[in-house]
Amino acid sequence: MTDSTQEPSGDLLLRTLAMPADTNTNGDIFGGWIMSQMDIAGGILAQQITAGAVVTVAVDSMKFISPVQMGDVVCCYGEMKRQGNTSLALHLEVWVRPRMSREKGSRPHSKVTEAVFTYVAIDENGVKRRIPRD
């Protein structure tokens, strides 16, 4: 279980609402839906860092800590872990705020998953390109 006093790592990249269409037969949100939100969030950060298009090439160390419920506010945070000449690795975390978070006894803001996503910078032809340096 995650310590509720812990704070997210990195910047807030994406915030969305878990909807009924995103649930599995247990009523929890599909892990694949959460992973796709992480990829969208990571792609936004990767494009900012690389100043252009990127593709996802790997997802490492995916850990699901606790389920996400329909109606939870899903927040994706991220930061760069390492950068190479053409690729970069981002550490991404998903935290949720329960839909009834202001009610007494409700679940706190908590981390539900994390992973390292690797992106490669590409040009307009889909060919690997160098990442510009500041």
C-alpha atoms as a PDB file:
ATOM      1  CA  MET A   1       0.000   0.000   0.000  1.00  0.00           C
ATOM      2  CA  THR A   2       1.244   3.511  -0.816  1.00  0.00           C
ATOM      3  CA  ASP A   3       1.927   5.996   1.977  1.00  0.00           C
ATOM      4  CA  SER A   4      -0.751   8.677   1.536  1.00  0.00           C
ATOM      5  CA  THR A   5       1.706  11.372   2.686  1.00  0.00           C
ATOM      6  CA  GLN A   6       3.924  10.653  -0.331  1.00  0.00           C
ATOM      7  CA  GLU A   7       3.677  13.103  -3.235  1.00  0.00           C
ATOM      8  CA  PRO A   8       3.828  12.445  -6.988  1.00  0.00           C
ATOM      9  CA  SER A   9       7.202  12.599  -8.753  1.00  0.00           C
ATOM     10  CA  GLY A  10       7.534  14.926 -11.721  1.00  0.00           C
ATOM     11  CA  ASP A  11       5.115  17.285 -13.408  1.00  0.00           C
ATOM     12  CA  LEU A  12       1.392  16.802 -13.912  1.00  0.00           C
ATOM     13  CA  LEU A  13       1.101  15.852 -17.598  1.00  0.00           C
ATOM     14  CA  LEU A  14      -2.493  14.660 -17.945  1.00  0.00           C
ATOM     15  CA  ARG A  15      -5.675  14.565 -15.898  1.00  0.00           C
ATOM     16  CA  THR A  16      -8.812  12.693 -16.916  1.00  0.00           C
ATOM     17  CA  LEU A  17     -11.852  10.947 -15.502  1.00  0.00           C
ATOM     18  CA  ALA A  18     -12.255   7.157 -15.370  1.00  0.00           C
ATOM     19  CA  MET A  19     -15.580   6.453 -17.081  1.00  0.00           C
ATOM     20  CA  PRO A  20     -17.953   3.446 -17.119  1.00  0.00           C
ATOM     21  CA  ALA A  21     -16.806   2.404 -20.620  1.00  0.00           C
ATOM     22  CA  ASP A  22     -13.268   1.928 -19.211  1.00  0.00           C
ATOM     23  CA  THR A  23     -14.258  -0.764 -16.671  1.00  0.00           C
ATOM     24  CA  ASN A  24     -13.636  -4.488 -16.677  1.00  0.00           C
ATOM     25  CA  THR A  25     -16.068  -7.190 -15.520  1.00  0.00           C
ATOM     26  CA  ASN A  26     -15.039  -6.590 -11.882  1.00  0.00           C
ATOM     27  CA  GLY A  27     -16.068  -2.934 -12.157  1.00  0.00           C
ATOM     28  CA  ASP A  28     -12.467  -1.701 -11.917  1.00  0.00           C
ATOM     29  CA  ILE A  29     -10.770   0.316 -14.645  1.00  0.00           C
ATOM     30  CA  PHE A  30      -8.876  -1.762 -17.237  1.00  0.00           C
ATOM     31  CA  GLY A  31      -5.110  -1.782 -16.690  1.00  0.00           C
ATOM     32  CA  GLY A  32      -4.693  -1.310 -20.444  1.00  0.00           C
ATOM     33  CA  TRP A  33      -6.704   1.919 -20.301  1.00  0.00           C
ATOM     34  CA  ILE A  34      -4.452   3.216 -17.510  1.00  0.00           C
ATOM     35  CA  MET A  35      -1.387   2.238 -19.546  1.00  0.00           C
ATOM     36  CA  SER A  36      -2.717   4.096 -22.602  1.00  0.00           C
ATOM     37  CA  GLN A  37      -3.240   7.248 -20.510  1.00  0.00           C
ATOM     38  CA  MET A  38       0.360   6.952 -19.320  1.00  0.00           C
ATOM     39  CA  ASP A  39       1.560   6.607 -22.921  1.00  0.00           C
ATOM     40  CA  ILE A  40      -0.389   9.704 -23.963  1.00  0.00           C
ATOM     41  CA  ALA A  41       1.037  11.682 -21.030  1.00  0.00           C
ATOM     42  CA  GLY A  42       4.566  10.416 -21.666  1.00  0.00           C
ATOM     43  CA  GLY A  43       4.255  11.206 -25.374  1.00  0.00           C
ATOM     44  CA  ILE A  44       3.369  14.805 -24.544  1.00  0.00           C
ATOM     45  CA  LEU A  45       6.471  15.199 -22.366  1.00  0.00           C
ATOM     46  CA  ALA A  46       8.703  13.316 -24.831  1.00  0.00           C
ATOM     47  CA  GLN A  47       7.593  15.575 -27.714  1.00  0.00           C
ATOM     48  CA  GLN A  48       8.373  18.657 -25.636  1.00  0.00           C
ATOM     49  CA  ILE A  49      11.842  17.370 -24.758  1.00  0.00           C
ATOM     50  CA  THR A  50      12.706  16.177 -28.282  1.00  0.00           C
ATOM     51  CA  ALA A  51      11.046  19.110 -30.096  1.00  0.00           C
ATOM     52  CA  GLY A  52       9.233  16.785 -32.481  1.00  0.00           C
ATOM     53  CA  ALA A  53       7.577  13.447 -33.089  1.00  0.00           C
ATOM     54  CA  VAL A  54       8.315  10.363 -30.989  1.00  0.00           C
ATOM     55  CA  VAL A  55       7.302   6.705 -30.883  1.00  0.00           C
ATOM     56  CA  THR A  56       7.016   4.444 -27.862  1.00  0.00           C
ATOM     57  CA  VAL A  57       9.498   1.576 -28.035  1.00  0.00           C
ATOM     58  CA  ALA A  58       9.390   0.026 -24.552  1.00  0.00           C
ATOM     59  CA  VAL A  59       7.583  -0.063 -21.239  1.00  0.00           C
ATOM     60  CA  ASP A  60       9.596  -1.371 -18.307  1.00  0.00           C
ATOM     61  CA  SER A  61       8.814  -2.125 -14.693  1.00  0.00           C
ATOM     62  CA  MET A  62       5.051  -1.636 -14.907  1.00  0.00           C
ATOM     63  CA  LYS A  63       3.665  -2.027 -11.395  1.00  0.00           C
ATOM     64  CA  PHE A  64      -0.040  -1.947 -10.594  1.00  0.00           C
ATOM     65  CA  ILE A  65      -0.375  -1.016  -6.924  1.00  0.00           C
ATOM     66  CA  SER A  66      -4.134  -0.729  -6.459  1.00  0.00           C
ATOM     67  CA  PRO A  67      -7.278  -0.649  -8.610  1.00  0.00           C
ATOM     68  CA  VAL A  68      -8.828   2.484 -10.086  1.00  0.00           C
ATOM     69  CA  GLN A  69     -12.569   2.941  -9.684  1.00  0.00           C
ATOM     70  CA  MET A  70     -15.048   4.400 -12.136  1.00  0.00           C
ATOM     71  CA  GLY A  71     -15.377   8.120 -11.420  1.00  0.00           C
ATOM     72  CA  ASP A  72     -11.862   8.516 -10.011  1.00  0.00           C
ATOM     73  CA  VAL A  73      -9.835  11.462 -11.301  1.00  0.00           C
ATOM     74  CA  VAL A  74      -6.750   9.933 -12.944  1.00  0.00           C
ATOM     75  CA  CYS A  75      -3.603  12.090 -12.850  1.00  0.00           C
ATOM     76  CA  CYS A  76      -0.444  11.174 -14.798  1.00  0.00           C
ATOM     77  CA  TYR A  77       2.870  12.622 -13.628  1.00  0.00           C
ATOM     78  CA  GLY A  78       6.233  12.249 -15.308  1.00  0.00           C
ATOM     79  CA  GLU A  79       9.886  13.175 -15.376  1.00  0.00           C
ATOM     80  CA  MET A  80      12.887  12.331 -17.509  1.00  0.00           C
ATOM     81  CA  LYS A  81      14.969   9.482 -16.171  1.00  0.00           C
ATOM     82  CA  ARG A  82      17.674   9.453 -18.870  1.00  0.00           C
ATOM     83  CA  GLN A  83      18.329  10.822 -22.342  1.00  0.00           C
ATOM     84  CA  GLY A  84      20.445   9.384 -25.112  1.00  0.00           C
ATOM     85  CA  ASN A  85      21.198  10.630 -28.627  1.00  0.00           C
ATOM     86  CA  THR A  86      17.897   9.467 -30.146  1.00  0.00           C
ATOM     87  CA  SER A  87      15.866   8.104 -27.222  1.00  0.00           C
ATOM     88  CA  LEU A  88      14.755   8.996 -23.736  1.00  0.00           C
ATOM     89  CA  ALA A  89      13.302   7.166 -20.775  1.00  0.00           C
ATOM     90  CA  LEU A  90      10.551   8.730 -18.679  1.00  0.00           C
ATOM     91  CA  HIS A  91       9.438   7.663 -15.222  1.00  0.00           C
ATOM     92  CA  LEU A  92       5.631   7.921 -15.200  1.00  0.00           C
ATOM     93  CA  GLU A  93       3.268   7.605 -12.250  1.00  0.00           C
ATOM     94  CA  VAL A  94      -0.525   7.522 -12.042  1.00  0.00           C
ATOM     95  CA  TRP A  95      -2.222   8.923  -8.977  1.00  0.00           C
ATOM     96  CA  VAL A  96      -5.957   9.037  -8.387  1.00  0.00           C
ATOM     97  CA  ARG A  97      -8.284  11.296  -6.510  1.00  0.00           C
ATOM     98  CA  PRO A  98     -11.447   9.403  -5.641  1.00  0.00           C
ATOM     99  CA  ARG A  99     -14.681  10.895  -6.915  1.00  0.00           C
ATOM    100  CA  MET A 100     -15.910  11.468  -3.361  1.00  0.00           C
ATOM    101  CA  SER A 101     -12.579  12.729  -1.980  1.00  0.00           C
ATOM    102  CA  ARG A 102     -14.169  15.493   0.113  1.00  0.00           C
ATOM    103  CA  GLU A 103     -16.310  13.084   2.108  1.00  0.00           C
ATOM    104  CA  LYS A 104     -15.176  12.043   5.575  1.00  0.00           C
ATOM    105  CA  GLY A 105     -13.486   8.641   5.506  1.00  0.00           C
ATOM    106  CA  SER A 106     -12.874   8.659   1.752  1.00  0.00           C
ATOM    107  CA  ARG A 107      -9.767   7.192   0.148  1.00  0.00           C
ATOM    108  CA  PRO A 108      -6.832   9.649  -0.025  1.00  0.00           C
ATOM    109  CA  HIS A 109      -4.999  10.768  -3.175  1.00  0.00           C
ATOM    110  CA  SER A 110      -2.846   7.724  -3.911  1.00  0.00           C
ATOM    111  CA  LYS A 111      -0.400   6.269  -6.423  1.00  0.00           C
ATOM    112  CA  VAL A 112      -1.932   3.364  -8.347  1.00  0.00           C
ATOM    113  CA  THR A 113       0.777   2.501 -10.878  1.00  0.00           C
ATOM    114  CA  GLU A 114       4.195   3.471 -12.209  1.00  0.00           C
ATOM    115  CA  ALA A 115       6.484   2.471 -15.065  1.00  0.00           C
ATOM    116  CA  VAL A 116       9.399   3.583 -17.217  1.00  0.00           C
ATOM    117  CA  PHE A 117       8.414   4.382 -20.823  1.00  0.00           C
ATOM    118  CA  THR A 118      11.089   4.693 -23.529  1.00  0.00           C
ATOM    119  CA  TYR A 119      10.507   6.903 -26.582  1.00  0.00           C
ATOM    120  CA  VAL A 120      12.559   7.355 -29.749  1.00  0.00           C
ATOM    121  CA  ALA A 121      12.603  10.654 -31.627  1.00  0.00           C
ATOM    122  CA  ILE A 122      11.644  10.296 -35.298  1.00  0.00           C
ATOM    123  CA  ASP A 123      11.592  12.566 -38.342  1.00  0.00           C
ATOM    124  CA  GLU A 124       8.747  13.117 -40.821  1.00  0.00           C
ATOM    125  CA  ASN A 125       9.644   9.814 -42.554  1.00  0.00           C
ATOM    126  CA  GLY A 126       9.519   7.796 -39.340  1.00  0.00           C
ATOM    127  CA  VAL A 127      13.307   7.480 -39.220  1.00  0.00           C
ATOM    128  CA  LYS A 128      15.231   7.828 -35.969  1.00  0.00           C
ATOM    129  CA  ARG A 129      16.652  11.327 -35.439  1.00  0.00           C
ATOM    130  CA  ARG A 130      18.966  12.981 -32.940  1.00  0.00           C
ATOM    131  CA  ILE A 131      17.424  14.795 -29.995  1.00  0.00           C
ATOM    132  CA  PRO A 132      18.467  18.459 -29.990  1.00  0.00           C
ATOM    133  CA  ARG A 133      20.525  19.521 -26.984  1.00  0.00           C
ATOM    134  CA  ASP A 134      19.916  22.810 -25.149  1.00  0.00           C
END
